Amino acid sequence: MGPISAVNFSKWNNIWNIFQYFFNFVRTLKSRCMKNILSREEAETLLLPYKQAISRCIIEGYADYQQFDGSRAIMHSKTTRASIIADYIFYRIKKELRDSQEISFIKKNRMNAIIVRNRLLIRFKKLDKNKRSGNIPTKQVSSFREQTLEIEELKNISITCVDAGYVLDNLGLSISSTHLVCPKGKLNDWIMTLDENVTIKNQTSIFSVDPPVDNEKENKRVKIKKNGNLGYDKQANS
């Protein structure tokens, strides 16, 4: 009985060693596949001119939902509500940042995002108490969180993916804080707080800018400039 037990132990020990080797191999491979991620300090420097505008658009985009859709909120699922709010936020972002030469707007599948100086891709999401966004687990979502997402126009440029989002209060009725969050797999690599103890002051109407930004940039396409930066081909469809 003794020798049999020793053989079984040796067998399971070998299986365990193989499992550990495979696990470490996959982890190493995934790490090598990840692009170089901007540090929190690097991202903060990059976003210095835009942090306040981004936070303001998030807060006021949420307020737009309360103003224009609040009476129908009881009909909306959590997913529908978050999606509508994200549309309001992105509309304000486009109006606020449309004249910046350092900002590009993209739509990849169902994801609306901005690219800042060809280094930082930002999408806009509702965040939970752990500063994590909720998503349907698609291949694109997985690539975003693993920092392996590729943009066709920027294949040879390393881009860091981040969520710009809001955390609701305990009652889920208003925004308590806004953040920029850099995901890395199932965890967050870093978190940058934009605003805490949020209050809305002197909010402008979502329809205050004429003409709407959607009409102004409807026919503009993202392209690579000669210096490697993203730009718009204003005559693309003219």
Protein backbone atom coordinates (compact mmCIF):
# COMPACT_ATOMS: atom_id res chain seq x y z
CA MET A 1 0.00 0.00 0.00
CA GLY A 2 2.89 2.30 0.80
CA PRO A 3 4.55 2.16 -2.64
CA ILE A 4 1.17 2.72 -4.35
CA SER A 5 0.56 5.85 -2.29
CA ALA A 6 4.01 7.14 -3.13
CA VAL A 7 3.38 6.56 -6.83
CA ASN A 8 0.05 8.40 -6.67
CA PHE A 9 1.64 11.28 -4.81
CA SER A 10 4.39 11.51 -7.42
CA LYS A 11 1.79 11.43 -10.20
CA TRP A 12 -0.29 14.25 -8.75
CA ASN A 13 2.81 16.23 -7.93
CA ASN A 14 3.87 16.03 -11.58
CA ILE A 15 0.41 17.13 -12.72
CA TRP A 16 0.56 20.07 -10.33
CA ASN A 17 3.99 21.08 -11.62
CA ILE A 18 2.73 20.92 -15.21
CA PHE A 19 -0.26 23.08 -14.28
CA GLN A 20 1.95 25.67 -12.59
CA TYR A 21 4.27 25.74 -15.60
CA PHE A 22 1.35 26.25 -17.98
CA PHE A 23 -0.18 28.96 -15.77
CA ASN A 24 3.11 30.87 -15.56
CA PHE A 25 3.64 30.51 -19.29
CA VAL A 26 0.21 31.97 -20.10
CA ARG A 27 0.70 34.82 -17.62
CA THR A 28 4.10 35.65 -19.10
CA LEU A 29 2.76 35.49 -22.65
CA LYS A 30 -0.15 37.77 -21.77
CA SER A 31 2.20 40.22 -20.09
CA ARG A 32 4.43 40.36 -23.15
CA CYS A 33 1.42 40.90 -25.40
CA MET A 34 0.29 43.89 -23.37
CA LYS A 35 1.39 47.23 -24.72
CA ASN A 36 3.31 49.67 -22.62
CA ILE A 37 0.77 51.29 -20.32
CA LEU A 38 1.03 54.95 -19.40
CA SER A 39 1.57 55.52 -15.70
CA ARG A 40 -0.90 57.58 -13.71
CA GLU A 41 1.58 60.47 -13.65
CA GLU A 42 2.13 60.32 -17.42
CA ALA A 43 -1.61 60.22 -18.09
CA GLU A 44 -2.24 63.13 -15.73
CA THR A 45 0.33 65.27 -17.56
CA LEU A 46 -1.21 64.31 -20.91
CA LEU A 47 -4.72 65.16 -19.73
CA LEU A 48 -3.92 68.32 -17.82
CA PRO A 49 -5.70 70.63 -20.30
CA TYR A 50 -8.78 68.37 -20.45
CA LYS A 51 -9.41 66.94 -16.97
CA GLN A 52 -11.91 69.58 -15.87
CA ALA A 53 -13.77 69.48 -19.18
CA ILE A 54 -14.04 65.69 -19.11
CA SER A 55 -15.37 65.66 -15.56
CA ARG A 56 -17.83 68.47 -16.31
CA CYS A 57 -19.17 66.64 -19.37
CA ILE A 58 -19.66 63.46 -17.33
CA ILE A 59 -21.55 65.30 -14.59
CA GLU A 60 -23.68 67.36 -16.96
CA GLY A 61 -24.33 64.37 -19.24
CA TYR A 62 -25.80 62.53 -16.26
CA ALA A 63 -27.87 65.62 -15.44
CA ASP A 64 -29.14 65.67 -19.04
CA TYR A 65 -30.54 62.19 -18.52
CA GLN A 66 -32.29 63.29 -15.35
CA GLN A 67 -33.73 66.33 -17.12
CA PHE A 68 -34.85 64.75 -20.39
CA ASP A 69 -35.43 61.10 -19.46
CA GLY A 70 -35.90 61.16 -15.70
CA SER A 71 -39.67 60.75 -15.97
CA ARG A 72 -39.14 57.53 -17.96
CA ALA A 73 -36.28 56.15 -15.86
CA ILE A 74 -38.55 53.56 -14.26
CA MET A 75 -39.01 52.01 -17.73
CA HIS A 76 -35.26 51.71 -18.35
CA SER A 77 -33.12 48.77 -17.34
CA LYS A 78 -29.76 49.54 -15.72
CA THR A 79 -28.04 48.76 -19.03
CA THR A 80 -30.37 51.01 -21.04
CA ARG A 81 -29.99 53.84 -18.52
CA ALA A 82 -26.18 53.63 -18.56
CA SER A 83 -26.18 53.54 -22.37
CA ILE A 84 -28.36 56.65 -22.70
CA ILE A 85 -26.26 58.52 -20.14
CA ALA A 86 -23.10 57.54 -22.04
CA ASP A 87 -24.61 59.03 -25.21
CA TYR A 88 -25.38 62.30 -23.44
CA ILE A 89 -21.85 62.42 -22.04
CA PHE A 90 -20.24 61.71 -25.39
CA TYR A 91 -22.37 64.34 -27.11
CA ARG A 92 -21.16 66.93 -24.62
CA ILE A 93 -17.56 65.72 -24.99
CA LYS A 94 -17.75 66.24 -28.76
CA LYS A 95 -19.15 69.74 -28.33
CA GLU A 96 -16.59 70.64 -25.68
CA LEU A 97 -13.45 69.27 -27.37
CA ARG A 98 -14.25 69.44 -31.08
CA ASP A 99 -11.82 72.29 -31.76
CA SER A 100 -8.82 70.64 -30.11
CA GLN A 101 -6.13 69.49 -32.52
CA GLU A 102 -4.98 66.89 -29.98
CA ILE A 103 -8.32 65.08 -29.74
CA SER A 104 -9.73 62.56 -32.21
CA PHE A 105 -13.18 60.97 -32.03
CA ILE A 106 -13.65 57.34 -32.99
CA LYS A 107 -16.38 54.73 -33.09
CA LYS A 108 -15.23 51.11 -32.95
CA ASN A 109 -18.12 48.69 -33.20
CA ARG A 110 -20.47 50.04 -30.50
CA MET A 111 -17.78 51.90 -28.54
CA ASN A 112 -17.59 55.69 -28.74
CA ALA A 113 -14.25 57.06 -27.57
CA ILE A 114 -11.74 59.85 -27.86
CA ILE A 115 -8.01 59.53 -28.46
CA VAL A 116 -5.77 62.09 -26.76
CA ARG A 117 -2.46 62.86 -28.48
CA ASN A 118 -2.44 59.37 -30.01
CA ARG A 119 -1.52 57.93 -26.59
CA LEU A 120 -4.70 57.61 -24.56
CA LEU A 121 -8.03 56.10 -25.62
CA ILE A 122 -10.91 57.12 -23.37
CA ARG A 123 -14.42 55.69 -23.31
CA PHE A 124 -17.20 56.84 -20.96
CA LYS A 125 -18.82 54.46 -18.51
CA LYS A 126 -20.70 54.03 -15.27
CA LEU A 127 -18.35 52.67 -12.58
CA ASP A 128 -19.13 50.47 -9.59
CA LYS A 129 -17.85 51.07 -6.05
CA ASN A 130 -14.55 49.38 -7.02
CA LYS A 131 -14.18 51.78 -9.97
CA ARG A 132 -14.82 49.01 -12.49
CA SER A 133 -17.08 49.35 -15.52
CA GLY A 134 -19.72 46.79 -16.36
CA ASN A 135 -19.64 45.36 -19.87
CA ILE A 136 -20.97 42.51 -21.94
CA PRO A 137 -17.91 40.21 -22.19
CA THR A 138 -17.02 40.62 -25.87
CA LYS A 139 -13.65 40.21 -27.54
CA GLN A 140 -13.31 43.99 -27.82
CA VAL A 141 -14.08 44.49 -24.12
CA SER A 142 -11.51 41.86 -23.21
CA SER A 143 -8.90 43.54 -25.45
CA PHE A 144 -9.69 46.91 -23.88
CA ARG A 145 -9.20 45.58 -20.35
CA GLU A 146 -6.08 43.64 -21.26
CA GLN A 147 -4.60 46.71 -22.95
CA THR A 148 -4.26 44.86 -26.24
CA LEU A 149 -6.90 46.79 -28.18
CA GLU A 150 -5.72 47.77 -31.65
CA ILE A 151 -6.88 50.81 -33.61
CA GLU A 152 -6.55 50.29 -37.35
CA GLU A 153 -5.15 53.77 -37.98
CA LEU A 154 -2.61 53.40 -35.15
CA LYS A 155 -1.36 49.84 -35.49
CA ASN A 156 2.24 50.65 -34.66
CA ILE A 157 1.49 53.05 -31.81
CA SER A 158 1.04 51.94 -28.21
CA ILE A 159 -2.26 53.25 -26.81
CA THR A 160 -3.39 53.05 -23.20
CA CYS A 161 -7.11 52.36 -22.73
CA VAL A 162 -8.94 54.05 -19.85
CA ASP A 163 -12.50 54.46 -18.61
CA ALA A 164 -13.71 57.93 -17.74
CA GLY A 165 -16.71 57.44 -15.53
CA TYR A 166 -18.90 58.23 -12.59
CA VAL A 167 -19.75 56.52 -9.32
CA LEU A 168 -23.26 56.96 -7.95
CA ASP A 169 -24.17 57.64 -4.34
CA ASN A 170 -25.50 54.91 -2.04
CA LEU A 171 -29.06 55.52 -3.21
CA GLY A 172 -28.08 55.46 -6.87
CA LEU A 173 -29.76 58.81 -7.47
CA SER A 174 -26.85 61.15 -8.16
CA ILE A 175 -23.14 61.19 -8.94
CA SER A 176 -20.84 61.13 -5.93
CA SER A 177 -17.50 61.23 -7.81
CA THR A 178 -15.86 61.05 -11.24
CA HIS A 179 -12.69 59.15 -12.14
CA LEU A 180 -10.31 58.03 -14.85
CA VAL A 181 -9.49 54.35 -14.49
CA CYS A 182 -6.86 52.29 -16.28
CA PRO A 183 -7.88 48.61 -16.32
CA LYS A 184 -5.34 45.81 -16.49
CA GLY A 185 -6.98 42.43 -16.75
CA LYS A 186 -9.36 41.86 -13.84
CA LEU A 187 -7.81 44.65 -11.77
CA ASN A 188 -7.15 48.37 -12.15
CA ASP A 189 -3.60 49.48 -12.87
CA TRP A 190 -4.33 52.98 -11.60
CA ILE A 191 -7.17 55.33 -10.67
CA MET A 192 -7.21 59.10 -11.10
CA THR A 193 -9.95 60.95 -9.23
CA LEU A 194 -11.35 63.91 -11.16
CA ASP A 195 -14.03 65.22 -8.80
CA GLU A 196 -15.33 64.24 -5.37
CA ASN A 197 -18.46 65.52 -3.61
CA VAL A 198 -19.93 66.41 -6.99
CA THR A 199 -22.34 69.34 -7.35
CA ILE A 200 -23.79 70.81 -10.53
CA LYS A 201 -23.43 74.55 -10.98
CA ASN A 202 -24.61 76.71 -13.90
CA GLN A 203 -25.20 73.80 -16.25
CA THR A 204 -25.57 74.81 -19.88
CA SER A 205 -28.27 73.32 -22.05
CA ILE A 206 -27.25 70.36 -24.17
CA PHE A 207 -28.80 72.17 -27.15
CA SER A 208 -27.01 75.49 -26.59
CA VAL A 209 -24.44 75.13 -29.40
CA ASP A 210 -25.54 75.77 -32.97
CA PRO A 211 -24.91 73.99 -35.27
CA PRO A 212 -24.76 70.61 -33.48
CA VAL A 213 -21.36 68.95 -33.57
CA ASP A 214 -22.79 65.82 -35.23
CA ASN A 215 -23.66 67.78 -38.35
CA GLU A 216 -20.35 69.59 -38.38
CA LYS A 217 -18.18 66.46 -38.29
CA GLU A 218 -20.52 64.00 -39.97
CA ASN A 219 -18.30 63.61 -43.03
CA LYS A 220 -14.90 63.75 -41.37
CA ARG A 221 -12.81 60.61 -41.15
CA VAL A 222 -9.89 59.83 -38.94
CA LYS A 223 -6.63 59.49 -40.83
CA ILE A 224 -2.90 59.49 -40.13
CA LYS A 225 -1.09 62.73 -40.77
CA LYS A 226 2.41 62.73 -42.19
CA ASN A 227 3.85 63.29 -38.72
CA GLY A 228 2.08 60.17 -37.46
CA ASN A 229 -0.70 62.00 -35.62
CA LEU A 230 -4.37 61.32 -36.06
CA GLY A 231 -6.23 63.99 -37.96
CA TYR A 232 -9.41 64.60 -39.89
CA ASP A 233 -9.76 64.54 -43.63
CA LYS A 234 -12.25 67.38 -43.90
CA GLN A 235 -12.67 66.86 -47.64
CA ALA A 236 -12.99 63.10 -47.41
CA ASN A 237 -16.53 62.99 -48.69
CA SER A 238 -16.77 66.33 -50.44
